[in-house]
């Protein structure tokens, strides 16, 4: 099938000179290839433009994941849903980060007596830092001491 037939749907009717016919067919083939290359280049530019816009829209709603180190205490998001879990905690834990994997993935081990998996792996977007009860007591004591230091001192019954 010749490019002339592809473009126009009919065979060329050049009977006089075979050299003219070959020249015409070669010119049509060259222009067809050039047009096709231009169309492909334009399509490529349009696709890249749309991809940049899609990436910009996607990145607008995202933030960089937190990075955790070995030994950090974390809680992981409950991923299984069900009607019986409606009032259950949204996060399970505490877990200890045992090993840091690539692409913000972590291998975790359960450290408290809770109803969950003993060992699991999780992504950073399903995790958050966890404050253990001992840590919570220390934090609450620090907050109380800060509040006491901010209070005005009382002198002779006056504030």
Protein backbone atom coordinates (compact mmCIF):
# COMPACT_ATOMS: atom_id res chain seq x y z
CA UNK A 1 0.00 0.00 0.00
CA UNK A 2 1.45 3.32 -1.04
CA UNK A 3 1.35 6.50 1.02
CA UNK A 4 -0.66 8.14 -1.77
CA UNK A 5 -3.38 5.53 -1.36
CA UNK A 6 -3.26 5.91 2.43
CA UNK A 7 -3.69 9.69 2.23
CA UNK A 8 -6.15 9.99 -0.65
CA UNK A 9 -7.75 6.55 -0.83
CA UNK A 10 -6.98 5.98 -4.55
CA UNK A 11 -3.94 4.98 -6.60
CA UNK A 12 -2.20 7.79 -8.51
CA UNK A 13 -2.96 7.86 -12.27
CA UNK A 14 0.41 8.73 -13.65
CA UNK A 15 0.91 6.72 -16.87
CA UNK A 16 3.20 8.86 -18.96
CA UNK A 17 6.55 8.56 -17.26
CA UNK A 18 7.60 6.05 -14.62
CA UNK A 19 10.36 8.41 -13.41
CA UNK A 20 7.78 11.09 -12.63
CA UNK A 21 5.64 8.51 -10.88
CA UNK A 22 8.56 7.31 -8.70
CA UNK A 23 9.56 10.89 -7.90
CA UNK A 24 5.99 11.78 -6.96
CA UNK A 25 5.62 8.68 -4.77
CA UNK A 26 8.93 9.38 -3.04
CA UNK A 27 7.90 13.01 -2.39
CA UNK A 28 4.54 11.87 -1.01
CA UNK A 29 6.30 9.32 1.20
CA UNK A 30 8.76 11.93 2.50
CA UNK A 31 6.03 14.49 3.22
CA UNK A 32 3.90 11.77 4.84
CA UNK A 33 6.80 10.80 7.12
CA UNK A 34 7.54 14.45 7.94
CA UNK A 35 3.89 15.14 8.78
CA UNK A 36 3.71 12.01 10.88
CA UNK A 37 6.87 13.00 12.78
CA UNK A 38 5.46 16.49 13.41
CA UNK A 39 2.19 15.02 14.68
CA UNK A 40 4.06 12.65 16.98
CA UNK A 41 6.26 15.48 18.32
CA UNK A 42 3.21 17.66 18.96
CA UNK A 43 1.41 14.78 20.68
CA UNK A 44 4.49 14.17 22.84
CA UNK A 45 4.64 17.84 23.87
CA UNK A 46 0.92 17.82 24.74
CA UNK A 47 1.25 14.62 26.79
CA UNK A 48 4.23 16.05 28.70
CA UNK A 49 2.30 19.27 29.38
CA UNK A 50 -0.68 17.33 30.75
CA UNK A 51 1.61 15.11 32.85
CA UNK A 52 3.29 18.18 34.38
CA UNK A 53 -0.15 19.58 35.26
CA UNK A 54 -1.25 16.26 36.78
CA UNK A 55 1.95 16.04 38.83
CA UNK A 56 1.51 19.60 40.06
CA UNK A 57 -2.07 18.86 41.15
CA UNK A 58 -1.03 15.60 42.84
CA UNK A 59 1.95 17.16 44.63
CA UNK A 60 -0.17 20.05 45.90
CA UNK A 61 -2.03 17.65 48.23
CA UNK A 62 1.01 15.64 49.37
CA UNK A 63 3.71 16.20 51.91
CA UNK A 64 6.99 14.42 52.52
CA UNK A 65 6.61 11.34 54.75
CA UNK A 66 8.11 11.35 58.21
CA UNK A 67 11.21 9.25 58.63
CA UNK A 68 11.59 6.96 61.62
CA UNK A 69 14.69 5.37 63.12
CA UNK A 70 15.20 1.97 64.67
CA UNK A 71 13.88 1.95 68.22
CA UNK A 72 11.20 4.62 67.65
CA UNK A 73 7.76 3.93 69.05
CA UNK A 74 4.97 4.22 66.51
CA UNK A 75 1.29 3.48 66.10
CA UNK A 76 -0.06 2.08 62.84
CA UNK A 77 -3.37 2.91 61.25
CA UNK A 78 -6.09 0.27 61.40
CA UNK A 79 -6.67 -0.72 57.77
CA UNK A 80 -9.41 -3.31 58.21
CA UNK A 81 -12.82 -1.73 58.44
CA UNK A 82 -16.10 -3.22 59.55
CA UNK A 83 -19.28 -2.39 61.42
CA UNK A 84 -17.95 -3.96 64.61
CA UNK A 85 -14.88 -1.67 64.46
CA UNK A 86 -16.86 1.56 64.29
CA UNK A 87 -15.92 2.62 67.81
CA UNK A 88 -12.50 0.95 67.87
CA UNK A 89 -9.28 2.93 68.00
CA UNK A 90 -8.10 4.23 64.65
CA UNK A 91 -4.48 3.34 65.42
CA UNK A 92 -2.93 0.16 66.82
CA UNK A 93 0.18 0.15 68.91
CA UNK A 94 2.63 0.85 70.30
CA UNK A 95 5.07 -0.84 67.94
CA UNK A 96 8.84 -0.53 67.87
CA UNK A 97 10.65 0.10 64.59
CA UNK A 98 12.93 -2.93 64.20
CA UNK A 99 14.32 -2.35 60.72
CA UNK A 100 14.21 0.51 58.24
CA UNK A 101 13.40 -0.70 54.72
CA UNK A 102 13.57 1.27 51.49
CA UNK A 103 10.91 3.66 50.17
CA UNK A 104 9.76 4.75 53.65
CA UNK A 105 8.75 1.23 54.71
CA UNK A 106 9.46 -0.17 58.15
CA UNK A 107 9.50 -3.55 59.86
CA UNK A 108 7.73 -3.31 63.24
CA UNK A 109 7.44 -5.42 66.40
CA UNK A 110 4.68 -5.21 69.03
CA UNK A 111 5.92 -4.09 72.45
CA UNK A 112 2.73 -3.93 74.53
CA UNK A 113 0.10 -6.50 75.35
CA UNK A 114 -2.49 -5.43 72.83
CA UNK A 115 -4.69 -7.32 70.43
CA UNK A 116 -2.77 -7.04 67.19
CA UNK A 117 -0.04 -8.66 65.13
CA UNK A 118 3.25 -9.48 66.83
CA UNK A 119 5.36 -8.42 63.85
CA UNK A 120 4.35 -6.51 60.77
CA UNK A 121 5.60 -4.09 58.18
CA UNK A 122 4.09 -0.74 57.37
CA UNK A 123 4.53 2.35 55.23
CA UNK A 124 5.27 5.75 56.73
CA UNK A 125 1.95 7.17 55.54
CA UNK A 126 0.09 4.67 57.80
CA UNK A 127 2.22 5.41 60.87
CA UNK A 128 2.57 8.13 63.47
CA UNK A 129 4.78 8.65 66.49
CA UNK A 130 3.40 7.00 69.59
CA UNK A 131 3.71 8.25 73.14
CA UNK A 132 3.97 5.32 75.54
CA UNK A 133 2.38 5.63 79.02
CA UNK A 134 5.77 6.24 80.68
CA UNK A 135 6.57 8.94 78.14
CA UNK A 136 3.10 10.43 78.60
CA UNK A 137 3.64 10.78 82.35
CA UNK A 138 6.92 12.63 81.72
CA UNK A 139 5.29 14.88 79.13
CA UNK A 140 2.36 15.72 81.41
CA UNK A 141 4.78 16.56 84.25
CA UNK A 142 6.72 18.86 81.92
CA UNK A 143 3.49 20.59 80.86
CA UNK A 144 2.41 21.08 84.47
CA UNK A 145 5.79 22.55 85.44
CA UNK A 146 5.64 24.92 82.44
CA UNK A 147 2.16 26.06 83.49
CA UNK A 148 3.33 26.66 87.05
CA UNK A 149 6.26 28.75 85.86
CA UNK A 150 3.96 30.91 83.70
CA UNK A 151 1.59 31.71 86.57
CA UNK A 152 2.10 35.06 88.25
CA UNK A 153 3.58 34.83 91.70
CA UNK A 154 1.44 35.84 94.67
CA UNK A 155 2.98 38.34 97.08
CA UNK A 156 1.20 39.27 100.28
CA UNK A 157 -2.16 38.16 98.93
CA UNK A 158 -1.80 40.22 95.76
CA UNK A 159 -1.35 38.92 92.27
